[in-house]
Amino acid sequence: MLFRKGTGIASSEITPESVFNQHTQGRRRFLATAATLGAGALAASRLPAILNPQSTVLAETQKLQTVESKYTVPDVQTPFAKATTYNNFYEFGTDKSDPAQNAHTLQTRPWTVQVDGMVAKPITLDVDSIMHYRPIENRVYRHRCVERWSMVIPWDGYSLAELIKFCQPLPGAKYVQFLSKVDKKQMPELPGGYDWPYSEGLRMDEAMNPLALLCFGCYGNVLPNQNGAPIRVILPWKYGFKSIKSIVKLHFTDTQPRTLWNELASNEYGFYSNVNPNVDHPRWSQATERRIDAGFLPRTMPTTMFNGYQDQVAGMYTGMDLKKYF
């Protein structure tokens, strides 16, 4: 893609040559691998490092090359140790400490993402090609859980919109559904009573919002297994359960897709699930949150509309009754 140089552009706004080269080379790898995987599996003999890495992701030793992002907040960050040991990832257990203890069984390579539904051409993509398609940005986001706790985490990835544009959804596609991996051999703690695999969905304008992050890492490292390796979505203006982990499929559709929590308890978990201090959960108020940071105990603080991202996302919901479409 070429951009014409305009007038009056500050030097700070010009893309560095190294970043441009990274983008160009990444796009070529993405296109080449997409074409190969569209016809069949990529030969392991050609790319052994991609298809046969160590099975357990060691985030502290696998660094990512990132560029600075304008999508960041100045809030005090949650320490890495807390952000990686206090998680919801029910496929590995329902207690907050379970994912960090159990997710080592997740095999993150080889890993592919299937794209189907209302797209110009269904395709299967290798996660490493997706990762290198665009420069990876470091974005510090607020993260708010429906259970009233919050964190501030530096996530690493690029806008989900970039991948969606590559997938070429048809004009009639109004939603995109995401599906997570489910494998009882790799997830021996998989609890019963849920309609697996984990599923989530977004309206197309939400998915195309620049804040919607396709995420491959955090704190400058590849994603730890318990945080959704190797590929997930981060939606900072919505409650955390909308930010689906360990994605294996994108399905484009013209009807609102099923989502796991909404189907399980629609009175508690709305399809939109925007952070809204004025709409209480049936079992507790959402007016305040407990911020987990470097302190010994979490800090109780007021919850802000859209988790503080109102300027960037409120326009998508103009005219909607946010108490009805919660």
Protein backbone atom coordinates (compact mmCIF):
# COMPACT_ATOMS: atom_id res chain seq x y z
CA MET A 1 0.00 0.00 0.00
CA LEU A 2 1.42 3.39 -1.01
CA PHE A 3 0.79 6.75 0.66
CA ARG A 4 1.41 10.08 -1.10
CA LYS A 5 3.56 12.47 0.85
CA GLY A 6 1.64 15.58 1.82
CA THR A 7 2.90 18.99 2.88
CA GLY A 8 3.76 20.14 6.35
CA ILE A 9 4.37 16.67 7.82
CA ALA A 10 6.57 16.74 10.88
CA SER A 11 9.59 14.45 10.81
CA SER A 12 8.29 12.73 13.94
CA GLU A 13 5.24 11.61 11.95
CA ILE A 14 7.26 9.93 9.18
CA THR A 15 7.49 6.16 9.45
CA PRO A 16 11.10 5.08 10.10
CA GLU A 17 12.67 2.99 7.35
CA SER A 18 13.18 0.03 9.71
CA VAL A 19 9.49 -0.04 10.59
CA PHE A 20 8.47 0.26 6.93
CA ASN A 21 10.77 -2.64 6.03
CA GLN A 22 9.38 -4.73 8.88
CA HIS A 23 5.82 -4.06 7.67
CA THR A 24 6.67 -4.84 4.04
CA GLN A 25 8.52 -8.05 4.82
CA GLY A 26 5.82 -9.13 7.26
CA ARG A 27 3.06 -8.58 4.71
CA ARG A 28 4.95 -10.64 2.14
CA ARG A 29 5.36 -13.48 4.64
CA PHE A 30 1.68 -13.21 5.54
CA LEU A 31 0.53 -13.39 1.92
CA ALA A 32 2.90 -16.22 1.06
CA THR A 33 1.91 -18.32 4.05
CA ALA A 34 -1.79 -17.61 3.51
CA ALA A 35 -1.54 -18.89 -0.06
CA THR A 36 0.35 -21.98 1.06
CA LEU A 37 -2.02 -22.82 3.90
CA GLY A 38 -4.99 -22.26 1.64
CA ALA A 39 -3.82 -25.27 -0.37
CA GLY A 40 -2.60 -27.42 2.51
CA ALA A 41 -0.44 -27.61 5.62
CA LEU A 42 2.89 -25.81 5.63
CA ALA A 43 5.77 -28.30 5.49
CA ALA A 44 7.51 -28.53 8.84
CA SER A 45 10.84 -29.08 7.11
CA ARG A 46 10.65 -25.58 5.63
CA LEU A 47 9.94 -23.65 8.83
CA PRO A 48 10.91 -25.84 11.79
CA ALA A 49 11.32 -22.89 14.15
CA ILE A 50 7.71 -21.81 13.54
CA LEU A 51 6.03 -25.19 13.63
CA ASN A 52 8.13 -26.88 16.32
CA PRO A 53 9.03 -24.37 19.05
CA GLN A 54 9.04 -25.26 22.72
CA SER A 55 5.49 -26.10 23.74
CA THR A 56 5.33 -23.96 26.89
CA VAL A 57 5.51 -20.22 26.36
CA LEU A 58 8.11 -18.65 28.64
CA ALA A 59 7.09 -15.03 28.42
CA GLU A 60 10.00 -13.68 30.41
CA THR A 61 12.52 -15.02 27.86
CA GLN A 62 10.71 -14.43 24.55
CA LYS A 63 10.92 -10.74 23.77
CA LEU A 64 8.93 -8.89 21.12
CA GLN A 65 10.13 -6.02 18.97
CA THR A 66 7.60 -3.25 19.45
CA VAL A 67 7.05 0.35 18.37
CA GLU A 68 5.52 3.12 20.45
CA SER A 69 1.78 3.70 20.18
CA LYS A 70 -0.46 6.71 20.67
CA TYR A 71 -3.04 4.36 22.20
CA THR A 72 -1.77 4.39 25.75
CA VAL A 73 -2.74 5.71 29.18
CA PRO A 74 -0.50 7.22 31.88
CA ASP A 75 -1.97 5.14 34.72
CA VAL A 76 0.33 3.19 37.04
CA GLN A 77 0.81 -0.27 35.57
CA THR A 78 -0.06 -3.53 37.26
CA PRO A 79 3.11 -5.55 38.02
CA PHE A 80 3.80 -8.40 35.60
CA ALA A 81 3.66 -10.99 38.41
CA LYS A 82 0.12 -9.97 39.34
CA ALA A 83 -1.16 -9.68 35.77
CA THR A 84 0.03 -13.20 34.99
CA THR A 85 -1.14 -14.99 38.15
CA TYR A 86 -4.60 -13.49 38.73
CA ASN A 87 -6.57 -14.44 35.63
CA ASN A 88 -9.85 -15.71 34.27
CA PHE A 89 -9.25 -18.51 31.76
CA TYR A 90 -11.88 -21.11 32.59
CA GLU A 91 -10.48 -23.68 30.17
CA PHE A 92 -7.71 -24.13 32.76
CA GLY A 93 -9.81 -23.85 35.91
CA THR A 94 -12.30 -21.48 37.49
CA ASP A 95 -10.13 -20.04 40.28
CA LYS A 96 -8.03 -16.97 39.55
CA SER A 97 -4.80 -18.84 40.31
CA ASP A 98 -5.64 -21.89 38.19
CA PRO A 99 -4.55 -20.63 34.75
CA ALA A 100 -1.00 -19.81 35.87
CA GLN A 101 -0.72 -23.29 37.42
CA ASN A 102 -2.39 -25.30 34.67
CA ALA A 103 -1.91 -23.53 31.33
CA HIS A 104 1.57 -24.95 30.75
CA THR A 105 -0.18 -27.85 28.97
CA LEU A 106 -1.31 -25.57 26.12
CA GLN A 107 0.60 -26.22 22.89
CA THR A 108 0.97 -22.89 21.13
CA ARG A 109 2.74 -24.15 18.00
CA PRO A 110 1.75 -25.15 15.42
CA TRP A 111 -1.24 -22.79 15.56
CA THR A 112 -3.56 -21.63 12.81
CA VAL A 113 -6.57 -19.33 12.65
CA GLN A 114 -9.45 -20.23 10.34
CA VAL A 115 -11.36 -17.44 8.60
CA ASP A 116 -14.77 -18.27 7.15
CA GLY A 117 -18.35 -17.13 6.73
CA MET A 118 -19.13 -13.97 4.78
CA VAL A 119 -15.66 -13.32 3.36
CA ALA A 120 -14.37 -13.05 -0.20
CA LYS A 121 -12.35 -16.24 0.25
CA PRO A 122 -12.24 -18.53 3.30
CA ILE A 123 -8.67 -19.12 4.38
CA THR A 124 -6.51 -20.59 7.14
CA LEU A 125 -3.63 -18.46 8.44
CA ASP A 126 -0.55 -19.32 10.44
CA VAL A 127 -0.30 -17.35 13.68
CA ASP A 128 3.29 -16.27 13.05
CA SER A 129 2.33 -14.80 9.69
CA ILE A 130 -0.51 -12.91 11.38
CA MET A 131 1.87 -11.67 14.07
CA HIS A 132 4.36 -10.28 11.56
CA TYR A 133 1.80 -8.74 9.22
CA ARG A 134 2.04 -5.33 10.89
CA PRO A 135 4.48 -3.65 13.30
CA ILE A 136 3.63 -4.62 16.87
CA GLU A 137 2.70 -1.67 19.06
CA ASN A 138 3.04 -1.43 22.82
CA ARG A 139 -0.28 -0.12 24.16
CA VAL A 140 -0.94 0.50 27.84
CA TYR A 141 -4.64 -0.20 28.38
CA ARG A 142 -6.99 -0.14 31.33
CA HIS A 143 -8.60 -3.54 31.81
CA ARG A 144 -11.89 -3.86 33.73
CA CYS A 145 -13.40 -7.19 34.79
CA VAL A 146 -17.13 -7.65 35.33
CA GLU A 147 -16.21 -8.96 38.79
CA ARG A 148 -15.19 -5.39 39.71
CA TRP A 149 -11.40 -5.70 39.66
CA SER A 150 -9.22 -3.81 37.21
CA MET A 151 -5.63 -3.69 36.00
CA VAL A 152 -3.45 -1.52 33.77
CA ILE A 153 -1.46 -3.70 31.37
CA PRO A 154 0.96 -2.94 28.52
CA TRP A 155 -0.35 -5.15 25.70
CA ASP A 156 1.55 -5.80 22.47
CA GLY A 157 -0.16 -6.12 19.10
CA TYR A 158 -1.85 -4.08 16.38
CA SER A 159 -5.40 -3.00 15.55
CA LEU A 160 -7.76 -5.88 14.83
CA ALA A 161 -9.02 -3.82 11.89
CA GLU A 162 -5.81 -4.60 9.98
CA LEU A 163 -6.50 -8.34 10.00
CA ILE A 164 -10.19 -7.84 9.22
CA LYS A 165 -9.36 -5.74 6.16
CA PHE A 166 -7.04 -8.51 4.95
CA CYS A 167 -9.86 -11.06 5.40
CA GLN A 168 -12.07 -9.04 3.01
CA PRO A 169 -15.49 -9.45 4.65
CA LEU A 170 -18.42 -9.16 2.28
CA PRO A 171 -20.54 -5.97 2.37
CA GLY A 172 -23.36 -7.83 4.12
CA ALA A 173 -21.20 -8.95 7.05
CA LYS A 174 -22.40 -7.14 10.17
CA TYR A 175 -20.66 -9.14 12.91
CA VAL A 176 -17.51 -11.13 13.52
CA GLN A 177 -17.51 -14.10 15.88
CA PHE A 178 -14.39 -15.45 17.58
CA LEU A 179 -13.86 -19.01 18.78
CA SER A 180 -11.20 -20.20 21.22
CA LYS A 181 -9.30 -23.44 21.18
CA VAL A 182 -10.80 -26.32 23.13
CA ASP A 183 -8.90 -29.58 23.63
CA LYS A 184 -9.51 -31.83 26.62
CA LYS A 185 -6.03 -33.33 26.31
CA GLN A 186 -4.40 -29.91 26.57
CA MET A 187 -7.05 -28.60 28.97
CA PRO A 188 -7.52 -31.38 31.54
CA GLU A 189 -9.15 -28.93 33.97
CA LEU A 190 -11.86 -28.01 31.42
CA PRO A 191 -15.00 -27.60 33.57
CA GLY A 192 -18.37 -29.03 32.62
CA GLY A 193 -21.57 -27.04 32.35
CA TYR A 194 -20.30 -24.65 29.65
CA ASP A 195 -20.99 -24.71 25.93
CA TRP A 196 -17.40 -25.04 24.71
CA PRO A 197 -15.60 -23.76 22.73
CA TYR A 198 -15.54 -20.27 24.22
CA SER A 199 -17.18 -17.88 21.79
CA GLU A 200 -17.43 -14.11 21.60
CA GLY A 201 -18.58 -11.59 19.03
CA LEU A 202 -18.51 -7.96 17.97
CA ARG A 203 -20.44 -5.70 15.68
CA MET A 204 -18.27 -4.82 12.69
CA ASP A 205 -17.87 -1.17 13.65
CA GLU A 206 -16.66 -2.25 17.10
CA ALA A 207 -14.19 -4.71 15.61
CA MET A 208 -12.89 -2.01 13.26
CA ASN A 209 -12.40 0.58 16.01
CA PRO A 210 -8.67 1.35 16.32
CA LEU A 211 -8.73 0.51 20.04
CA ALA A 212 -9.70 -3.12 19.35
CA LEU A 213 -6.34 -4.83 19.67
CA LEU A 214 -5.18 -8.08 18.08
CA CYS A 215 -2.76 -9.09 20.79
CA PHE A 216 0.35 -11.32 20.76
CA GLY A 217 2.14 -10.22 23.91
CA CYS A 218 2.29 -8.18 27.08
CA TYR A 219 5.04 -6.34 28.94
CA GLY A 220 7.23 -6.62 25.83
CA ASN A 221 7.12 -10.43 25.86
CA VAL A 222 5.06 -12.99 23.99
CA LEU A 223 1.78 -13.81 25.72
CA PRO A 224 2.08 -16.26 28.60
CA ASN A 225 -0.24 -19.23 28.13
CA GLN A 226 -2.44 -18.13 31.01
CA ASN A 227 -2.98 -14.73 29.36
CA GLY A 228 -4.32 -16.15 26.11
CA ALA A 229 -1.35 -17.31 24.03
CA PRO A 230 -0.62 -17.18 21.22
CA ILE A 231 -3.27 -14.75 19.90
CA ARG A 232 -6.17 -12.96 21.55
CA VAL A 233 -8.25 -9.78 21.36
CA ILE A 234 -8.21 -6.89 23.84
CA LEU A 235 -11.24 -4.56 24.00
CA PRO A 236 -10.42 -1.99 26.69
CA TRP A 237 -13.86 -0.32 26.81
CA LYS A 238 -15.67 -3.62 27.48
CA TYR A 239 -15.64 -6.00 30.43
CA GLY A 240 -12.77 -8.45 30.32
CA PHE A 241 -14.69 -11.58 29.31
CA LYS A 242 -15.28 -10.00 25.87
CA SER A 243 -11.51 -10.08 25.22
CA ILE A 244 -11.37 -13.66 23.99
CA LYS A 245 -8.18 -15.72 24.38
CA SER A 246 -6.36 -18.37 22.31
CA ILE A 247 -8.31 -17.68 19.11
CA VAL A 248 -8.58 -20.37 16.43
CA LYS A 249 -11.40 -19.02 14.28
CA LEU A 250 -12.97 -15.81 12.92
CA HIS A 251 -16.45 -16.20 11.47
CA PHE A 252 -18.11 -13.29 9.63
CA THR A 253 -21.90 -13.21 9.64
CA ASP A 254 -24.94 -10.99 9.06
CA THR A 255 -26.66 -12.07 12.31
CA GLN A 256 -25.67 -11.48 15.92
CA PRO A 257 -23.53 -14.48 16.89
CA ARG A 258 -23.85 -16.60 19.98
CA THR A 259 -21.45 -15.83 22.81
CA LEU A 260 -20.76 -18.19 25.68
CA TRP A 261 -21.54 -15.98 28.67
CA ASN A 262 -24.51 -14.26 27.05
CA GLU A 263 -26.14 -17.62 26.34
CA LEU A 264 -25.28 -18.97 29.77
CA ALA A 265 -26.73 -16.03 31.72
CA SER A 266 -28.14 -13.31 29.46
CA ASN A 267 -29.45 -11.29 32.43
CA GLU A 268 -25.90 -10.92 33.76
CA TYR A 269 -23.76 -10.80 30.62
CA GLY A 270 -25.08 -8.70 27.76
CA PHE A 271 -23.85 -9.05 24.20
CA TYR A 272 -22.26 -5.59 24.28
CA SER A 273 -20.92 -5.63 27.86
CA ASN A 274 -19.58 -2.09 27.72
CA VAL A 275 -18.14 -0.85 31.00
CA ASN A 276 -20.99 1.22 32.45
CA PRO A 277 -21.09 2.28 36.12
CA ASN A 278 -24.82 3.06 35.74
CA VAL A 279 -25.84 -0.51 34.90
CA ASP A 280 -25.46 -2.86 37.85
CA HIS A 281 -24.73 -6.53 37.62
CA PRO A 282 -27.73 -8.38 39.14
CA ARG A 283 -25.54 -9.43 42.08
CA TRP A 284 -23.45 -6.29 42.68
CA SER A 285 -22.94 -2.65 41.80
CA GLN A 286 -20.59 -1.67 38.97
CA ALA A 287 -20.12 1.88 40.28
CA THR A 288 -16.69 1.15 41.74
CA GLU A 289 -13.75 -1.12 40.95
CA ARG A 290 -10.71 -2.52 42.75
CA ARG A 291 -7.53 -1.50 40.93
CA ILE A 292 -4.75 -4.07 41.28
CA ASP A 293 -1.39 -2.33 41.18
CA ALA A 294 1.90 -2.43 43.07
CA GLY A 295 0.22 -1.86 46.44
CA PHE A 296 -0.37 -4.64 48.93
CA LEU A 297 -4.14 -4.24 48.65
CA PRO A 298 -6.22 -3.14 45.64
CA ARG A 299 -7.38 0.49 45.55
CA THR A 300 -11.13 1.10 45.39
CA MET A 301 -11.96 3.76 42.83
CA PRO A 302 -14.96 4.99 40.79
CA THR A 303 -15.68 3.18 37.55
CA THR A 304 -15.75 5.47 34.52
CA MET A 305 -18.03 5.18 31.50
CA PHE A 306 -16.55 2.96 28.79
CA ASN A 307 -13.62 2.41 31.17
CA GLY A 308 -12.37 5.90 30.37
CA TYR A 309 -12.43 5.47 26.59
CA GLN A 310 -15.65 7.41 26.01
CA ASP A 311 -14.13 9.87 23.54
CA GLN A 312 -12.98 7.03 21.27
CA VAL A 313 -16.00 4.72 21.38
CA ALA A 314 -19.17 6.50 22.55
CA GLY A 315 -20.14 7.48 19.01
CA MET A 316 -20.73 3.83 18.09
CA TYR A 317 -23.63 3.66 20.55
CA THR A 318 -25.37 6.96 19.83
CA GLY A 319 -29.14 6.53 20.16
CA MET A 320 -28.90 3.14 21.87
CA ASP A 321 -30.47 2.46 25.25
CA LEU A 322 -27.35 1.29 27.08
CA LYS A 323 -29.39 -0.16 29.92
CA LYS A 324 -31.31 -2.35 27.49
CA TYR A 325 -28.29 -3.13 25.30
CA PHE A 326 -25.91 -3.68 28.15
